[in-house]
PDB file of all heavy atoms in Angstrom:
ATOM      1  N   LYS A   1      44.318  32.529  -1.052  1.00  0.00           N
ATOM      2  CA  LYS A   1      43.613  31.681  -1.997  1.00  0.00           C
ATOM      3  C   LYS A   1      44.521  31.513  -3.211  1.00  0.00           C
ATOM      4  O   LYS A   1      45.078  32.492  -3.705  1.00  0.00           O
ATOM      5  CB  LYS A   1      42.292  32.329  -2.401  1.00  0.00           C
ATOM      6  CG  LYS A   1      41.524  31.567  -3.453  1.00  0.00           C
ATOM      7  CD  LYS A   1      40.242  32.303  -3.790  1.00  0.00           C
ATOM      8  CE  LYS A   1      39.487  31.595  -4.890  1.00  0.00           C
ATOM      9  NZ  LYS A   1      38.287  32.334  -5.289  1.00  0.00           N
ATOM     10  N   THR A   2      44.679  30.286  -3.689  1.00  0.00           N
ATOM     11  CA  THR A   2      45.515  30.027  -4.856  1.00  0.00           C
ATOM     12  C   THR A   2      44.683  29.371  -5.945  1.00  0.00           C
ATOM     13  O   THR A   2      43.975  28.401  -5.688  1.00  0.00           O
ATOM     14  CB  THR A   2      46.714  29.134  -4.486  1.00  0.00           C
ATOM     15  OG1 THR A   2      47.446  29.765  -3.426  1.00  0.00           O
ATOM     16  CG2 THR A   2      47.631  28.918  -5.668  1.00  0.00           C
ATOM     17  N   ILE A   3      44.792  29.906  -7.150  1.00  0.00           N
ATOM     18  CA  ILE A   3      44.110  29.350  -8.314  1.00  0.00           C
ATOM     19  C   ILE A   3      45.186  28.812  -9.239  1.00  0.00           C
ATOM     20  O   ILE A   3      46.060  29.555  -9.681  1.00  0.00           O
ATOM     21  CB  ILE A   3      43.266  30.418  -9.051  1.00  0.00           C
ATOM     22  CG1 ILE A   3      42.220  31.018  -8.113  1.00  0.00           C
ATOM     23  CG2 ILE A   3      42.583  29.827 -10.264  1.00  0.00           C
ATOM     24  CD1 ILE A   3      42.596  32.320  -7.538  1.00  0.00           C
ATOM     25  N   PHE A   4      45.148  27.523  -9.518  1.00  0.00           N
ATOM     26  CA  PHE A   4      46.124  26.892 -10.395  1.00  0.00           C
ATOM     27  C   PHE A   4      45.603  26.858 -11.832  1.00  0.00           C
ATOM     28  O   PHE A   4      44.444  26.526 -12.064  1.00  0.00           O
ATOM     29  CB  PHE A   4      46.436  25.474  -9.919  1.00  0.00           C
ATOM     30  CG  PHE A   4      47.138  25.438  -8.598  1.00  0.00           C
ATOM     31  CD1 PHE A   4      46.421  25.315  -7.419  1.00  0.00           C
ATOM     32  CD2 PHE A   4      48.516  25.559  -8.523  1.00  0.00           C
ATOM     33  CE1 PHE A   4      47.058  25.299  -6.191  1.00  0.00           C
ATOM     34  CE2 PHE A   4      49.171  25.550  -7.292  1.00  0.00           C
ATOM     35  CZ  PHE A   4      48.433  25.419  -6.135  1.00  0.00           C
ATOM     36  N   GLN A   5      46.472  27.201 -12.770  1.00  0.00           N
ATOM     37  CA  GLN A   5      46.162  27.221 -14.198  1.00  0.00           C
ATOM     38  C   GLN A   5      44.776  27.813 -14.463  1.00  0.00           C
ATOM     39  O   GLN A   5      43.873  27.136 -14.952  1.00  0.00           O
ATOM     40  CB  GLN A   5      46.293  25.822 -14.791  1.00  0.00           C
ATOM     41  CG  GLN A   5      47.708  25.315 -14.685  1.00  0.00           C
ATOM     42  CD  GLN A   5      47.891  23.899 -15.187  1.00  0.00           C
ATOM     43  OE1 GLN A   5      46.974  23.098 -15.142  1.00  0.00           O
ATOM     44  NE2 GLN A   5      49.079  23.617 -15.672  1.00  0.00           N
ATOM     45  N   PRO A   6      44.606  29.079 -14.116  1.00  0.00           N
ATOM     46  CA  PRO A   6      43.290  29.711 -14.263  1.00  0.00           C
ATOM     47  C   PRO A   6      42.856  29.783 -15.732  1.00  0.00           C
ATOM     48  O   PRO A   6      43.686  29.930 -16.628  1.00  0.00           O
ATOM     49  CB  PRO A   6      43.505  31.108 -13.684  1.00  0.00           C
ATOM     50  CG  PRO A   6      44.958  31.356 -13.843  1.00  0.00           C
ATOM     51  CD  PRO A   6      45.627  30.027 -13.667  1.00  0.00           C
ATOM     52  N   GLN A   7      41.571  29.669 -15.930  1.00  0.00           N
ATOM     53  CA  GLN A   7      41.012  29.802 -17.265  1.00  0.00           C
ATOM     54  C   GLN A   7      40.955  31.284 -17.619  1.00  0.00           C
ATOM     55  O   GLN A   7      40.894  32.145 -16.740  1.00  0.00           O
ATOM     56  CB  GLN A   7      39.617  29.190 -17.309  1.00  0.00           C
ATOM     57  CG  GLN A   7      39.636  27.702 -17.040  1.00  0.00           C
ATOM     58  CD  GLN A   7      38.229  27.107 -17.005  1.00  0.00           C
ATOM     59  OE1 GLN A   7      37.248  27.812 -16.850  1.00  0.00           O
ATOM     60  NE2 GLN A   7      38.149  25.799 -17.152  1.00  0.00           N
ATOM     61  N   PHE A   8      40.962  31.586 -18.929  1.00  0.00           N
ATOM     62  CA  PHE A   8      40.865  32.960 -19.394  1.00  0.00           C
ATOM     63  C   PHE A   8      40.086  32.972 -20.702  1.00  0.00           C
ATOM     64  O   PHE A   8      39.914  31.935 -21.346  1.00  0.00           O
ATOM     65  CB  PHE A   8      42.252  33.593 -19.565  1.00  0.00           C
ATOM     66  CG  PHE A   8      43.126  32.855 -20.540  1.00  0.00           C
ATOM     67  CD1 PHE A   8      43.109  33.181 -21.888  1.00  0.00           C
ATOM     68  CD2 PHE A   8      43.948  31.833 -20.111  1.00  0.00           C
ATOM     69  CE1 PHE A   8      43.895  32.494 -22.788  1.00  0.00           C
ATOM     70  CE2 PHE A   8      44.743  31.134 -21.000  1.00  0.00           C
ATOM     71  CZ  PHE A   8      44.719  31.464 -22.353  1.00  0.00           C
ATOM     72  N   THR A   9      39.622  34.158 -21.085  1.00  0.00           N
ATOM     73  CA  THR A   9      38.814  34.279 -22.297  1.00  0.00           C
ATOM     74  C   THR A   9      39.658  34.537 -23.535  1.00  0.00           C
ATOM     75  O   THR A   9      39.420  33.951 -24.583  1.00  0.00           O
ATOM     76  CB  THR A   9      37.770  35.407 -22.139  1.00  0.00           C
ATOM     77  OG1 THR A   9      36.941  35.074 -21.018  1.00  0.00           O
ATOM     78  CG2 THR A   9      36.910  35.551 -23.366  1.00  0.00           C
ATOM     79  N   ALA A  10      40.659  35.409 -23.441  1.00  0.00           N
ATOM     80  CA  ALA A  10      41.441  35.771 -24.629  1.00  0.00           C
ATOM     81  C   ALA A  10      42.860  36.174 -24.245  1.00  0.00           C
ATOM     82  O   ALA A  10      43.110  36.633 -23.133  1.00  0.00           O
ATOM     83  CB  ALA A  10      40.768  36.925 -25.355  1.00  0.00           C
ATOM     84  N   THR A  11      43.784  35.985 -25.210  1.00  0.00           N
ATOM     85  CA  THR A  11      45.161  36.426 -25.030  1.00  0.00           C
ATOM     86  C   THR A  11      45.769  36.726 -26.393  1.00  0.00           C
ATOM     87  O   THR A  11      45.360  36.155 -27.406  1.00  0.00           O
ATOM     88  CB  THR A  11      46.015  35.377 -24.294  1.00  0.00           C
ATOM     89  OG1 THR A  11      47.329  35.923 -24.065  1.00  0.00           O
ATOM     90  CG2 THR A  11      46.154  34.091 -25.087  1.00  0.00           C
ATOM     91  N   ASN A  12      46.735  37.606 -26.424  1.00  0.00           N
ATOM     92  CA  ASN A  12      47.516  37.842 -27.639  1.00  0.00           C
ATOM     93  C   ASN A  12      48.926  37.274 -27.452  1.00  0.00           C
ATOM     94  O   ASN A  12      49.817  37.577 -28.223  1.00  0.00           O
ATOM     95  CB  ASN A  12      47.565  39.335 -27.975  1.00  0.00           C
ATOM     96  CG  ASN A  12      48.385  40.132 -26.984  1.00  0.00           C
ATOM     97  OD1 ASN A  12      48.713  39.653 -25.896  1.00  0.00           O
ATOM     98  ND2 ASN A  12      48.725  41.356 -27.333  1.00  0.00           N
ATOM     99  N   ALA A  13      49.110  36.478 -26.414  1.00  0.00           N
ATOM    100  CA  ALA A  13      50.436  35.976 -26.043  1.00  0.00           C
ATOM    101  C   ALA A  13      50.395  34.461 -25.817  1.00  0.00           C
ATOM    102  O   ALA A  13      50.423  34.003 -24.676  1.00  0.00           O
ATOM    103  CB  ALA A  13      50.917  36.685 -24.786  1.00  0.00           C
ATOM    104  N   PRO A  14      50.333  33.673 -26.883  1.00  0.00           N
ATOM    105  CA  PRO A  14      50.240  32.225 -26.697  1.00  0.00           C
ATOM    106  C   PRO A  14      51.472  31.593 -26.036  1.00  0.00           C
ATOM    107  O   PRO A  14      51.379  30.498 -25.488  1.00  0.00           O
ATOM    108  CB  PRO A  14      50.041  31.689 -28.117  1.00  0.00           C
ATOM    109  CG  PRO A  14      50.552  32.765 -29.016  1.00  0.00           C
ATOM    110  CD  PRO A  14      50.345  34.056 -28.291  1.00  0.00           C
ATOM    111  N   LYS A  15      52.607  32.285 -26.046  1.00  0.00           N
ATOM    112  CA  LYS A  15      53.816  31.753 -25.415  1.00  0.00           C
ATOM    113  C   LYS A  15      53.853  32.028 -23.915  1.00  0.00           C
ATOM    114  O   LYS A  15      54.666  31.467 -23.198  1.00  0.00           O
ATOM    115  CB  LYS A  15      55.068  32.347 -26.068  1.00  0.00           C
ATOM    116  CG  LYS A  15      55.245  31.931 -27.509  1.00  0.00           C
ATOM    117  CD  LYS A  15      56.478  32.572 -28.104  1.00  0.00           C
ATOM    118  CE  LYS A  15      56.649  32.184 -29.554  1.00  0.00           C
ATOM    119  NZ  LYS A  15      57.854  32.783 -30.130  1.00  0.00           N
ATOM    120  N   LEU A  16      52.974  32.912 -23.443  1.00  0.00           N
ATOM    121  CA  LEU A  16      52.938  33.298 -22.033  1.00  0.00           C
ATOM    122  C   LEU A  16      51.729  32.647 -21.372  1.00  0.00           C
ATOM    123  O   LEU A  16      50.597  32.878 -21.781  1.00  0.00           O
ATOM    124  CB  LEU A  16      52.842  34.824 -21.910  1.00  0.00           C
ATOM    125  CG  LEU A  16      52.875  35.399 -20.503  1.00  0.00           C
ATOM    126  CD1 LEU A  16      54.270  35.264 -19.907  1.00  0.00           C
ATOM    127  CD2 LEU A  16      52.449  36.864 -20.526  1.00  0.00           C
ATOM    128  N   THR A  17      51.970  31.820 -20.356  1.00  0.00           N
ATOM    129  CA  THR A  17      50.862  31.190 -19.643  1.00  0.00           C
ATOM    130  C   THR A  17      50.918  31.591 -18.174  1.00  0.00           C
ATOM    131  O   THR A  17      51.980  31.917 -17.644  1.00  0.00           O
ATOM    132  CB  THR A  17      50.897  29.649 -19.742  1.00  0.00           C
ATOM    133  OG1 THR A  17      52.130  29.167 -19.185  1.00  0.00           O
ATOM    134  CG2 THR A  17      50.790  29.176 -21.174  1.00  0.00           C
ATOM    135  N   ILE A  18      49.754  31.559 -17.548  1.00  0.00           N
ATOM    136  CA  ILE A  18      49.681  31.830 -16.114  1.00  0.00           C
ATOM    137  C   ILE A  18      49.554  30.492 -15.411  1.00  0.00           C
ATOM    138  O   ILE A  18      48.589  29.761 -15.611  1.00  0.00           O
ATOM    139  CB  ILE A  18      48.494  32.759 -15.794  1.00  0.00           C
ATOM    140  CG1 ILE A  18      48.717  34.114 -16.473  1.00  0.00           C
ATOM    141  CG2 ILE A  18      48.340  32.924 -14.283  1.00  0.00           C
ATOM    142  CD1 ILE A  18      47.577  35.080 -16.320  1.00  0.00           C
ATOM    143  N   GLU A  19      50.554  30.169 -14.623  1.00  0.00           N
ATOM    144  CA  GLU A  19      50.597  28.886 -13.913  1.00  0.00           C
ATOM    145  C   GLU A  19      49.707  28.903 -12.682  1.00  0.00           C
ATOM    146  O   GLU A  19      49.055  27.932 -12.371  1.00  0.00           O
ATOM    147  CB  GLU A  19      52.032  28.540 -13.514  1.00  0.00           C
ATOM    148  CG  GLU A  19      52.946  28.321 -14.717  1.00  0.00           C
ATOM    149  CD  GLU A  19      52.520  27.121 -15.536  1.00  0.00           C
ATOM    150  OE1 GLU A  19      52.569  25.994 -15.020  1.00  0.00           O
ATOM    151  OE2 GLU A  19      52.124  27.321 -16.703  1.00  0.00           O
ATOM    152  N   LYS A  20      49.745  30.033 -11.952  1.00  0.00           N
ATOM    153  CA  LYS A  20      48.880  30.159 -10.777  1.00  0.00           C
ATOM    154  C   LYS A  20      48.797  31.618 -10.355  1.00  0.00           C
ATOM    155  O   LYS A  20      49.628  32.445 -10.741  1.00  0.00           O
ATOM    156  CB  LYS A  20      49.335  29.275  -9.617  1.00  0.00           C
ATOM    157  CG  LYS A  20      50.634  29.690  -8.959  1.00  0.00           C
ATOM    158  CD  LYS A  20      50.986  28.744  -7.815  1.00  0.00           C
ATOM    159  CE  LYS A  20      52.318  29.105  -7.202  1.00  0.00           C
ATOM    160  NZ  LYS A  20      52.664  28.257  -6.073  1.00  0.00           N
ATOM    161  N   ILE A  21      47.771  31.891  -9.551  1.00  0.00           N
ATOM    162  CA  ILE A  21      47.577  33.215  -8.973  1.00  0.00           C
ATOM    163  C   ILE A  21      47.353  33.020  -7.481  1.00  0.00           C
ATOM    164  O   ILE A  21      46.524  32.204  -7.079  1.00  0.00           O
ATOM    165  CB  ILE A  21      46.357  33.927  -9.587  1.00  0.00           C
ATOM    166  CG1 ILE A  21      46.553  34.105 -11.097  1.00  0.00           C
ATOM    167  CG2 ILE A  21      46.125  35.277  -8.910  1.00  0.00           C
ATOM    168  CD1 ILE A  21      45.329  34.643 -11.810  1.00  0.00           C
ATOM    169  N   ALA A  22      48.115  33.738  -6.676  1.00  0.00           N
ATOM    170  CA  ALA A  22      47.966  33.688  -5.217  1.00  0.00           C
ATOM    171  C   ALA A  22      47.359  35.012  -4.761  1.00  0.00           C
ATOM    172  O   ALA A  22      47.929  36.076  -5.002  1.00  0.00           O
ATOM    173  CB  ALA A  22      49.309  33.450  -4.545  1.00  0.00           C
ATOM    174  N   LEU A  23      46.189  34.922  -4.139  1.00  0.00           N
ATOM    175  CA  LEU A  23      45.476  36.107  -3.659  1.00  0.00           C
ATOM    176  C   LEU A  23      45.536  36.163  -2.142  1.00  0.00           C
ATOM    177  O   LEU A  23      45.306  35.155  -1.475  1.00  0.00           O
ATOM    178  CB  LEU A  23      44.005  36.045  -4.090  1.00  0.00           C
ATOM    179  CG  LEU A  23      43.719  35.894  -5.574  1.00  0.00           C
ATOM    180  CD1 LEU A  23      42.254  35.602  -5.797  1.00  0.00           C
ATOM    181  CD2 LEU A  23      44.140  37.143  -6.311  1.00  0.00           C
ATOM    182  N   SER A  24      45.836  37.320  -1.615  1.00  0.00           N
ATOM    183  CA  SER A  24      45.763  37.513  -0.161  1.00  0.00           C
ATOM    184  C   SER A  24      45.204  38.910   0.079  1.00  0.00           C
ATOM    185  O   SER A  24      44.972  39.667  -0.867  1.00  0.00           O
ATOM    186  CB  SER A  24      47.140  37.359   0.495  1.00  0.00           C
ATOM    187  OG  SER A  24      47.949  38.480   0.236  1.00  0.00           O
ATOM    188  N   ASP A  25      45.009  39.249   1.327  1.00  0.00           N
ATOM    189  CA  ASP A  25      44.469  40.572   1.629  1.00  0.00           C
ATOM    190  C   ASP A  25      45.526  41.665   1.512  1.00  0.00           C
ATOM    191  O   ASP A  25      45.223  42.849   1.610  1.00  0.00           O
ATOM    192  CB  ASP A  25      43.819  40.592   3.011  1.00  0.00           C
ATOM    193  CG  ASP A  25      44.751  40.153   4.116  1.00  0.00           C
ATOM    194  OD1 ASP A  25      45.861  39.668   3.801  1.00  0.00           O
ATOM    195  OD2 ASP A  25      44.393  40.295   5.292  1.00  0.00           O
ATOM    196  N   THR A  26      46.790  41.287   1.268  1.00  0.00           N
ATOM    197  CA  THR A  26      47.851  42.283   1.150  1.00  0.00           C
ATOM    198  C   THR A  26      48.466  42.370  -0.242  1.00  0.00           C
ATOM    199  O   THR A  26      49.091  43.371  -0.568  1.00  0.00           O
ATOM    200  CB  THR A  26      48.978  41.987   2.157  1.00  0.00           C
ATOM    201  OG1 THR A  26      49.485  40.673   1.909  1.00  0.00           O
ATOM    202  CG2 THR A  26      48.480  42.105   3.593  1.00  0.00           C
ATOM    203  N   ALA A  27      48.312  41.317  -1.067  1.00  0.00           N
ATOM    204  CA  ALA A  27      48.954  41.315  -2.388  1.00  0.00           C
ATOM    205  C   ALA A  27      48.316  40.284  -3.306  1.00  0.00           C
ATOM    206  O   ALA A  27      47.609  39.375  -2.858  1.00  0.00           O
ATOM    207  CB  ALA A  27      50.446  41.027  -2.252  1.00  0.00           C
ATOM    208  N   THR A  28      48.586  40.456  -4.592  1.00  0.00           N
ATOM    209  CA  THR A  28      48.206  39.485  -5.613  1.00  0.00           C
ATOM    210  C   THR A  28      49.494  39.084  -6.314  1.00  0.00           C
ATOM    211  O   THR A  28      50.233  39.950  -6.776  1.00  0.00           O
ATOM    212  CB  THR A  28      47.227  40.103  -6.635  1.00  0.00           C
ATOM    213  OG1 THR A  28      46.073  40.547  -5.939  1.00  0.00           O
ATOM    214  CG2 THR A  28      46.841  39.105  -7.708  1.00  0.00           C
ATOM    215  N   GLN A  29      49.776  37.796  -6.371  1.00  0.00           N
ATOM    216  CA  GLN A  29      50.986  37.334  -7.036  1.00  0.00           C
ATOM    217  C   GLN A  29      50.595  36.433  -8.200  1.00  0.00           C
ATOM    218  O   GLN A  29      49.809  35.501  -8.042  1.00  0.00           O
ATOM    219  CB  GLN A  29      51.899  36.591  -6.064  1.00  0.00           C
ATOM    220  CG  GLN A  29      53.278  36.358  -6.641  1.00  0.00           C
ATOM    221  CD  GLN A  29      54.281  35.936  -5.586  1.00  0.00           C
ATOM    222  OE1 GLN A  29      53.927  35.580  -4.468  1.00  0.00           O
ATOM    223  NE2 GLN A  29      55.542  35.978  -5.943  1.00  0.00           N
ATOM    224  N   VAL A  30      51.140  36.757  -9.386  1.00  0.00           N
ATOM    225  CA  VAL A  30      50.845  36.000 -10.595  1.00  0.00           C
ATOM    226  C   VAL A  30      52.124  35.285 -11.017  1.00  0.00           C
ATOM    227  O   VAL A  30      53.173  35.912 -11.182  1.00  0.00           O
ATOM    228  CB  VAL A  30      50.334  36.920 -11.724  1.00  0.00           C
ATOM    229  CG1 VAL A  30      49.991  36.105 -12.961  1.00  0.00           C
ATOM    230  CG2 VAL A  30      49.128  37.729 -11.253  1.00  0.00           C
ATOM    231  N   PHE A  31      52.015  33.963 -11.194  1.00  0.00           N
ATOM    232  CA  PHE A  31      53.155  33.122 -11.578  1.00  0.00           C
ATOM    233  C   PHE A  31      53.016  32.788 -13.066  1.00  0.00           C
ATOM    234  O   PHE A  31      52.023  32.201 -13.485  1.00  0.00           O
ATOM    235  CB  PHE A  31      53.178  31.845 -10.746  1.00  0.00           C
ATOM    236  CG  PHE A  31      53.424  32.100  -9.288  1.00  0.00           C
ATOM    237  CD1 PHE A  31      52.388  32.488  -8.452  1.00  0.00           C
ATOM    238  CD2 PHE A  31      54.688  31.962  -8.756  1.00  0.00           C
ATOM    239  CE1 PHE A  31      52.597  32.733  -7.109  1.00  0.00           C
ATOM    240  CE2 PHE A  31      54.928  32.205  -7.406  1.00  0.00           C
ATOM    241  CZ  PHE A  31      53.880  32.590  -6.587  1.00  0.00           C
ATOM    242  N   PHE A  32      54.020  33.170 -13.848  1.00  0.00           N
ATOM    243  CA  PHE A  32      53.995  33.007 -15.295  1.00  0.00           C
ATOM    244  C   PHE A  32      54.984  31.944 -15.759  1.00  0.00           C
ATOM    245  O   PHE A  32      55.977  31.666 -15.083  1.00  0.00           O
ATOM    246  CB  PHE A  32      54.415  34.315 -15.981  1.00  0.00           C
ATOM    247  CG  PHE A  32      53.475  35.461 -15.788  1.00  0.00           C
ATOM    248  CD1 PHE A  32      53.682  36.389 -14.775  1.00  0.00           C
ATOM    249  CD2 PHE A  32      52.403  35.643 -16.637  1.00  0.00           C
ATOM    250  CE1 PHE A  32      52.835  37.475 -14.618  1.00  0.00           C
ATOM    251  CE2 PHE A  32      51.544  36.724 -16.487  1.00  0.00           C
ATOM    252  CZ  PHE A  32      51.761  37.644 -15.473  1.00  0.00           C
ATOM    253  N   LYS A  33      54.701  31.426 -16.967  1.00  0.00           N
ATOM    254  CA  LYS A  33      55.671  30.595 -17.681  1.00  0.00           C
ATOM    255  C   LYS A  33      55.698  31.096 -19.115  1.00  0.00           C
ATOM    256  O   LYS A  33      54.650  31.229 -19.753  1.00  0.00           O
ATOM    257  CB  LYS A  33      55.303  29.121 -17.647  1.00  0.00           C
ATOM    258  CG  LYS A  33      56.295  28.261 -18.433  1.00  0.00           C
ATOM    259  CD  LYS A  33      56.229  26.764 -18.190  1.00  0.00           C
ATOM    260  CE  LYS A  33      54.922  26.132 -18.414  1.00  0.00           C
ATOM    261  NZ  LYS A  33      54.984  24.651 -18.375  1.00  0.00           N
ATOM    262  N   TYR A  34      56.886  31.414 -19.605  1.00  0.00           N
ATOM    263  CA  TYR A  34      57.068  31.820 -20.999  1.00  0.00           C
ATOM    264  C   TYR A  34      57.752  30.659 -21.700  1.00  0.00           C
ATOM    265  O   TYR A  34      58.811  30.206 -21.280  1.00  0.00           O
ATOM    266  CB  TYR A  34      57.924  33.094 -21.085  1.00  0.00           C
ATOM    267  CG  TYR A  34      58.050  33.625 -22.487  1.00  0.00           C
ATOM    268  CD1 TYR A  34      57.063  34.449 -23.016  1.00  0.00           C
ATOM    269  CD2 TYR A  34      59.127  33.293 -23.283  1.00  0.00           C
ATOM    270  CE1 TYR A  34      57.159  34.943 -24.307  1.00  0.00           C
ATOM    271  CE2 TYR A  34      59.236  33.775 -24.580  1.00  0.00           C
ATOM    272  CZ  TYR A  34      58.251  34.599 -25.084  1.00  0.00           C
ATOM    273  OH  TYR A  34      58.345  35.071 -26.371  1.00  0.00           O
TER     274      TYR A  34
END
C-alpha cells in the first residue's frame, strides 16, 4: 500500500517533508524530501 504526500498533525521540521510511505507485510519505507 502506498500513501502519497500523507497528511500529518504536527512537525518541528518544516524543511523535511514526507513524499510517500510504502507499507508491506515485511517493511515500511518512508520517502523524504529535505
